[in-house]
N, C-alpha and C. Protein backbone atom coordinates (compact mmCIF):
# COMPACT_ATOMS: atom_id res chain seq x y z
N MET A 1 30.59 35.21 43.04
CA MET A 1 29.24 35.01 43.49
C MET A 1 28.45 34.35 42.37
N SER A 2 27.72 33.29 42.67
CA SER A 2 26.95 32.60 41.64
C SER A 2 25.63 33.31 41.42
N PRO A 3 24.99 33.09 40.24
CA PRO A 3 23.69 33.73 39.97
C PRO A 3 22.65 33.36 41.01
N GLU A 4 22.73 32.12 41.54
CA GLU A 4 21.73 31.70 42.52
C GLU A 4 21.87 32.50 43.81
N SER A 5 23.10 32.73 44.25
CA SER A 5 23.31 33.43 45.51
C SER A 5 23.13 34.94 45.37
N SER A 6 23.23 35.46 44.14
CA SER A 6 23.08 36.90 43.96
C SER A 6 21.63 37.30 43.74
N GLY A 7 20.76 36.31 43.60
CA GLY A 7 19.36 36.61 43.36
C GLY A 7 19.04 36.83 41.90
N ALA A 8 20.02 36.65 41.01
CA ALA A 8 19.79 36.83 39.57
C ALA A 8 18.90 35.71 39.05
N VAL A 9 18.08 36.04 38.10
CA VAL A 9 17.19 35.06 37.49
C VAL A 9 17.81 34.58 36.18
N THR A 10 17.88 33.25 36.02
CA THR A 10 18.40 32.72 34.76
C THR A 10 17.30 32.74 33.72
N THR A 11 17.68 32.97 32.47
CA THR A 11 16.69 33.07 31.40
C THR A 11 16.55 31.79 30.60
N GLN A 12 17.44 30.81 30.83
CA GLN A 12 17.35 29.55 30.10
C GLN A 12 16.21 28.72 30.67
N ARG A 13 15.47 28.07 29.78
CA ARG A 13 14.37 27.20 30.20
C ARG A 13 14.62 25.82 29.63
N PRO A 14 15.17 24.91 30.43
CA PRO A 14 15.48 23.57 29.91
C PRO A 14 14.25 22.80 29.45
N ASP A 15 13.05 23.18 29.93
CA ASP A 15 11.84 22.47 29.52
C ASP A 15 11.33 22.91 28.15
N LYS A 16 11.86 24.01 27.63
CA LYS A 16 11.43 24.53 26.33
C LYS A 16 12.47 24.20 25.27
N PRO A 17 12.10 23.43 24.20
CA PRO A 17 13.08 23.09 23.16
C PRO A 17 13.57 24.33 22.43
N THR A 18 14.82 24.28 21.99
CA THR A 18 15.39 25.39 21.24
C THR A 18 15.54 25.00 19.78
N GLY A 19 15.63 25.98 18.91
CA GLY A 19 15.81 25.72 17.49
C GLY A 19 14.47 25.55 16.78
N PRO A 20 14.52 25.51 15.45
CA PRO A 20 13.29 25.37 14.66
C PRO A 20 12.59 24.04 14.94
N THR A 21 11.27 24.07 14.89
CA THR A 21 10.51 22.84 15.14
C THR A 21 10.79 21.78 14.08
N SER A 22 11.22 22.19 12.88
CA SER A 22 11.53 21.22 11.82
C SER A 22 12.75 20.37 12.19
N ARG A 23 13.52 20.80 13.18
CA ARG A 23 14.71 20.05 13.59
C ARG A 23 14.48 19.26 14.88
N GLN A 24 13.32 19.41 15.48
CA GLN A 24 13.04 18.70 16.72
C GLN A 24 13.05 17.20 16.48
N GLY A 25 13.73 16.48 17.34
CA GLY A 25 13.79 15.03 17.23
C GLY A 25 14.71 14.52 16.14
N ARG A 26 15.55 15.37 15.60
CA ARG A 26 16.47 14.98 14.52
C ARG A 26 17.90 15.19 14.97
N LYS A 27 18.81 14.46 14.35
CA LYS A 27 20.24 14.58 14.62
C LYS A 27 20.95 15.02 13.35
N GLN A 28 21.93 15.86 13.49
CA GLN A 28 22.70 16.34 12.34
C GLN A 28 23.77 15.32 11.97
N ILE A 29 23.92 15.10 10.67
CA ILE A 29 25.01 14.30 10.12
C ILE A 29 25.75 15.23 9.16
N ALA A 30 27.03 15.40 9.38
CA ALA A 30 27.80 16.34 8.57
C ALA A 30 29.01 15.66 7.95
N GLY A 31 29.45 16.21 6.85
CA GLY A 31 30.65 15.71 6.19
C GLY A 31 31.28 16.82 5.37
N PHE A 32 32.50 16.61 4.97
CA PHE A 32 33.21 17.59 4.15
C PHE A 32 33.43 16.99 2.77
N PHE A 33 33.01 17.72 1.74
CA PHE A 33 33.08 17.24 0.37
C PHE A 33 33.75 18.30 -0.50
N THR A 34 34.16 17.88 -1.68
CA THR A 34 34.79 18.82 -2.61
C THR A 34 33.77 19.86 -3.06
N PRO A 35 34.25 21.01 -3.51
CA PRO A 35 33.33 22.01 -4.05
C PRO A 35 32.52 21.45 -5.22
N GLU A 36 33.14 20.58 -6.02
CA GLU A 36 32.43 20.00 -7.17
C GLU A 36 31.26 19.12 -6.71
N MET A 37 31.48 18.32 -5.66
CA MET A 37 30.40 17.48 -5.14
C MET A 37 29.28 18.34 -4.59
N SER A 38 29.63 19.37 -3.85
CA SER A 38 28.64 20.28 -3.29
C SER A 38 27.81 20.93 -4.40
N PHE A 39 28.49 21.44 -5.41
CA PHE A 39 27.80 22.08 -6.53
C PHE A 39 26.88 21.09 -7.25
N SER A 40 27.38 19.88 -7.50
CA SER A 40 26.58 18.86 -8.19
C SER A 40 25.33 18.49 -7.40
N MET A 41 25.48 18.32 -6.10
CA MET A 41 24.33 17.94 -5.27
C MET A 41 23.31 19.08 -5.19
N HIS A 42 23.78 20.30 -5.03
CA HIS A 42 22.85 21.43 -4.99
C HIS A 42 22.14 21.61 -6.34
N THR A 43 22.88 21.43 -7.43
CA THR A 43 22.29 21.55 -8.77
C THR A 43 21.24 20.47 -8.98
N LEU A 44 21.55 19.23 -8.61
CA LEU A 44 20.61 18.14 -8.75
C LEU A 44 19.36 18.39 -7.92
N ALA A 45 19.54 18.87 -6.71
CA ALA A 45 18.40 19.15 -5.84
C ALA A 45 17.47 20.16 -6.49
N ARG A 46 18.04 21.21 -7.07
CA ARG A 46 17.20 22.22 -7.75
C ARG A 46 16.48 21.63 -8.95
N ARG A 47 17.20 20.84 -9.75
CA ARG A 47 16.59 20.24 -10.94
C ARG A 47 15.46 19.28 -10.58
N GLN A 48 15.62 18.59 -9.47
CA GLN A 48 14.61 17.62 -9.04
C GLN A 48 13.50 18.26 -8.20
N GLY A 49 13.67 19.52 -7.84
CA GLY A 49 12.66 20.19 -7.02
C GLY A 49 12.63 19.64 -5.60
N LYS A 50 13.80 19.20 -5.12
CA LYS A 50 13.90 18.63 -3.78
C LYS A 50 14.90 19.44 -2.97
N SER A 51 14.88 19.23 -1.68
CA SER A 51 15.88 19.86 -0.83
C SER A 51 17.13 19.00 -0.84
N LEU A 52 18.24 19.61 -0.49
CA LEU A 52 19.49 18.86 -0.37
C LEU A 52 19.33 17.78 0.69
N GLN A 53 18.64 18.11 1.77
CA GLN A 53 18.41 17.14 2.84
C GLN A 53 17.63 15.93 2.33
N ALA A 54 16.64 16.16 1.48
CA ALA A 54 15.86 15.04 0.93
C ALA A 54 16.73 14.15 0.05
N LEU A 55 17.59 14.76 -0.76
CA LEU A 55 18.50 13.96 -1.60
C LEU A 55 19.49 13.17 -0.75
N MET A 56 19.99 13.78 0.31
CA MET A 56 20.92 13.08 1.18
C MET A 56 20.23 11.92 1.89
N ALA A 57 19.00 12.11 2.33
CA ALA A 57 18.25 11.03 2.97
C ALA A 57 18.04 9.88 1.99
N GLU A 58 17.74 10.22 0.73
CA GLU A 58 17.58 9.19 -0.31
C GLU A 58 18.88 8.42 -0.53
N ALA A 59 20.00 9.14 -0.56
CA ALA A 59 21.30 8.50 -0.75
C ALA A 59 21.65 7.60 0.43
N PHE A 60 21.40 8.07 1.65
CA PHE A 60 21.68 7.26 2.83
C PHE A 60 20.81 6.01 2.85
N SER A 61 19.57 6.16 2.43
CA SER A 61 18.67 5.01 2.37
C SER A 61 19.18 3.97 1.37
N ASP A 62 19.66 4.45 0.21
CA ASP A 62 20.22 3.55 -0.80
C ASP A 62 21.45 2.81 -0.26
N VAL A 63 22.30 3.50 0.48
CA VAL A 63 23.49 2.87 1.06
C VAL A 63 23.09 1.82 2.08
N LEU A 64 22.12 2.14 2.92
CA LEU A 64 21.65 1.16 3.91
C LEU A 64 21.15 -0.10 3.22
N GLN A 65 20.35 0.07 2.17
CA GLN A 65 19.84 -1.08 1.41
C GLN A 65 20.98 -1.87 0.78
N LYS A 66 21.95 -1.18 0.21
CA LYS A 66 23.09 -1.82 -0.43
C LYS A 66 23.81 -2.76 0.52
N TYR A 67 23.92 -2.38 1.78
CA TYR A 67 24.64 -3.17 2.77
C TYR A 67 23.71 -4.04 3.62
N GLY A 68 22.49 -4.25 3.13
CA GLY A 68 21.56 -5.16 3.79
C GLY A 68 20.89 -4.64 5.05
N GLU A 69 20.93 -3.34 5.22
CA GLU A 69 20.26 -2.73 6.39
C GLU A 69 18.87 -2.26 5.97
N ARG A 70 18.03 -2.13 6.95
CA ARG A 70 16.68 -1.66 6.69
C ARG A 70 16.69 -0.15 6.52
N PRO A 71 16.20 0.37 5.39
CA PRO A 71 16.17 1.82 5.22
C PRO A 71 15.17 2.46 6.18
N VAL A 72 15.44 3.68 6.56
CA VAL A 72 14.56 4.42 7.46
C VAL A 72 14.07 5.67 6.77
N GLY A 73 13.06 6.28 7.30
CA GLY A 73 12.50 7.49 6.69
C GLY A 73 13.42 8.68 6.85
N GLU A 74 13.05 9.75 6.19
CA GLU A 74 13.82 11.00 6.22
C GLU A 74 13.80 11.54 7.61
């Protein structure tokens, strides 16, 4: 018996976004790196007073520029 035919009410609301508002309108980019790379990036982020995400956005922007693409914001 389906929830619709049993009279059960669904609790999901497709019109309401899920997750933190800081992630709304953003897409995740993930990769696997060595523990040394992870440690170095986290250490640099702390020393610079930036988030890891901000450093990664800066690095991606540099790569886009290197290959002649227009950099985009964070």
